[in-house]
């Protein structure tokens, strides 16, 4: 995470995950959706340029360590709660 992208609102800290921390090369090119993941401890990580957001979220859920509270696609109404 890159602190220059840190934002705090309503008691929740949001981090925009920078390109340096991304594993998939597709995430380095523009386009796609922004996936938000909320963790225990009241913080959110935002991953932008996600080309297959629902598949991305399902994979995160499968590989998580149970600290995820919920996830959603920014600008959409649907949310996945764990």
C-alpha atoms as a PDB file:
ATOM      1  CA  UNK A   1       0.000   0.000   0.000  1.00  0.00           C
ATOM      2  CA  UNK A   2       1.130   3.470  -0.706  1.00  0.00           C
ATOM      3  CA  UNK A   3       0.465   5.994   2.080  1.00  0.00           C
ATOM      4  CA  UNK A   4       0.041   8.876  -0.362  1.00  0.00           C
ATOM      5  CA  UNK A   5      -3.233   7.210  -1.377  1.00  0.00           C
ATOM      6  CA  UNK A   6      -4.443   6.893   2.216  1.00  0.00           C
ATOM      7  CA  UNK A   7      -7.843   8.376   3.021  1.00  0.00           C
ATOM      8  CA  UNK A   8      -9.743   8.327   6.314  1.00  0.00           C
ATOM      9  CA  UNK A   9     -13.492   8.834   6.386  1.00  0.00           C
ATOM     10  CA  UNK A  10     -16.139   7.918   8.962  1.00  0.00           C
ATOM     11  CA  UNK A  11     -13.616   6.006  11.083  1.00  0.00           C
ATOM     12  CA  UNK A  12     -12.560   3.785   8.182  1.00  0.00           C
ATOM     13  CA  UNK A  13      -9.123   4.106   6.603  1.00  0.00           C
ATOM     14  CA  UNK A  14      -8.992   3.392   2.856  1.00  0.00           C
ATOM     15  CA  UNK A  15      -5.793   2.447   1.048  1.00  0.00           C
ATOM     16  CA  UNK A  16      -5.499   2.432  -2.730  1.00  0.00           C
ATOM     17  CA  UNK A  17      -3.134  -0.426  -3.525  1.00  0.00           C
ATOM     18  CA  UNK A  18      -0.377   0.830  -5.835  1.00  0.00           C
ATOM     19  CA  UNK A  19       0.962  -0.835  -8.975  1.00  0.00           C
ATOM     20  CA  UNK A  20       4.104  -1.871  -7.141  1.00  0.00           C
ATOM     21  CA  UNK A  21       2.063  -4.340  -5.066  1.00  0.00           C
ATOM     22  CA  UNK A  22       0.055  -5.884  -7.910  1.00  0.00           C
ATOM     23  CA  UNK A  23       0.711  -9.434  -9.136  1.00  0.00           C
ATOM     24  CA  UNK A  24      -1.391  -9.649 -12.312  1.00  0.00           C
ATOM     25  CA  UNK A  25      -0.072  -7.769 -15.332  1.00  0.00           C
ATOM     26  CA  UNK A  26      -3.632  -6.976 -16.468  1.00  0.00           C
ATOM     27  CA  UNK A  27      -4.022  -4.770 -13.398  1.00  0.00           C
ATOM     28  CA  UNK A  28      -1.228  -2.555 -14.662  1.00  0.00           C
ATOM     29  CA  UNK A  29      -3.220  -1.497 -17.737  1.00  0.00           C
ATOM     30  CA  UNK A  30      -6.069   0.996 -17.529  1.00  0.00           C
ATOM     31  CA  UNK A  31      -9.680  -0.114 -17.550  1.00  0.00           C
ATOM     32  CA  UNK A  32     -11.875  -2.392 -15.502  1.00  0.00           C
ATOM     33  CA  UNK A  33     -13.472  -1.976 -12.098  1.00  0.00           C
ATOM     34  CA  UNK A  34     -12.311  -1.015  -8.609  1.00  0.00           C
ATOM     35  CA  UNK A  35     -12.747  -3.784  -6.034  1.00  0.00           C
ATOM     36  CA  UNK A  36     -12.971  -2.740  -2.371  1.00  0.00           C
ATOM     37  CA  UNK A  37     -12.182  -5.185   0.439  1.00  0.00           C
ATOM     38  CA  UNK A  38     -13.024  -4.318   4.050  1.00  0.00           C
ATOM     39  CA  UNK A  39     -11.011  -5.953   6.817  1.00  0.00           C
ATOM     40  CA  UNK A  40     -11.419  -6.365  10.564  1.00  0.00           C
ATOM     41  CA  UNK A  41      -9.814  -3.277  12.107  1.00  0.00           C
ATOM     42  CA  UNK A  42     -11.885  -0.830  10.038  1.00  0.00           C
ATOM     43  CA  UNK A  43      -9.736  -0.488   6.947  1.00  0.00           C
ATOM     44  CA  UNK A  44     -10.439  -0.967   3.255  1.00  0.00           C
ATOM     45  CA  UNK A  45      -8.063  -1.825   0.420  1.00  0.00           C
ATOM     46  CA  UNK A  46      -9.043  -0.615  -3.053  1.00  0.00           C
ATOM     47  CA  UNK A  47      -7.712  -2.477  -6.093  1.00  0.00           C
ATOM     48  CA  UNK A  48      -8.317  -0.664  -9.383  1.00  0.00           C
ATOM     49  CA  UNK A  49      -8.105  -1.873 -13.003  1.00  0.00           C
ATOM     50  CA  UNK A  50      -9.687  -5.261 -12.188  1.00  0.00           C
ATOM     51  CA  UNK A  51     -10.893  -6.786 -15.459  1.00  0.00           C
ATOM     52  CA  UNK A  52     -12.922  -9.684 -13.926  1.00  0.00           C
ATOM     53  CA  UNK A  53     -14.106  -8.290 -10.583  1.00  0.00           C
ATOM     54  CA  UNK A  54     -16.423 -11.144  -9.504  1.00  0.00           C
ATOM     55  CA  UNK A  55     -13.755 -13.781 -10.218  1.00  0.00           C
ATOM     56  CA  UNK A  56     -11.214 -11.598  -8.402  1.00  0.00           C
ATOM     57  CA  UNK A  57     -13.429 -11.332  -5.318  1.00  0.00           C
ATOM     58  CA  UNK A  58     -14.165 -15.075  -5.250  1.00  0.00           C
ATOM     59  CA  UNK A  59     -10.454 -15.835  -5.392  1.00  0.00           C
ATOM     60  CA  UNK A  60      -9.755 -13.379  -2.561  1.00  0.00           C
ATOM     61  CA  UNK A  61     -12.444 -15.095  -0.452  1.00  0.00           C
ATOM     62  CA  UNK A  62     -10.929 -18.523  -1.116  1.00  0.00           C
ATOM     63  CA  UNK A  63      -7.441 -17.382  -0.170  1.00  0.00           C
ATOM     64  CA  UNK A  64      -8.318 -15.081   2.736  1.00  0.00           C
ATOM     65  CA  UNK A  65      -7.338 -15.613   6.346  1.00  0.00           C
ATOM     66  CA  UNK A  66     -10.854 -14.802   7.666  1.00  0.00           C
ATOM     67  CA  UNK A  67     -10.104 -11.155   8.392  1.00  0.00           C
ATOM     68  CA  UNK A  68     -12.360  -9.929   5.571  1.00  0.00           C
ATOM     69  CA  UNK A  69     -15.665  -8.360   6.616  1.00  0.00           C
ATOM     70  CA  UNK A  70     -16.994  -7.641   3.120  1.00  0.00           C
ATOM     71  CA  UNK A  71     -16.145  -6.700  -0.444  1.00  0.00           C
ATOM     72  CA  UNK A  72     -17.792  -4.813  -3.270  1.00  0.00           C
ATOM     73  CA  UNK A  73     -17.266  -3.287  -6.677  1.00  0.00           C
ATOM     74  CA  UNK A  74     -17.015   0.478  -6.308  1.00  0.00           C
ATOM     75  CA  UNK A  75     -20.033   2.190  -7.831  1.00  0.00           C
ATOM     76  CA  UNK A  76     -22.228  -0.949  -7.750  1.00  0.00           C
ATOM     77  CA  UNK A  77     -24.904  -1.913  -5.247  1.00  0.00           C
ATOM     78  CA  UNK A  78     -24.019  -5.591  -4.868  1.00  0.00           C
ATOM     79  CA  UNK A  79     -21.792  -6.580  -1.944  1.00  0.00           C
ATOM     80  CA  UNK A  80     -20.265  -9.851  -0.789  1.00  0.00           C
ATOM     81  CA  UNK A  81     -20.185 -10.295   2.975  1.00  0.00           C
ATOM     82  CA  UNK A  82     -18.162 -13.022   4.568  1.00  0.00           C
END
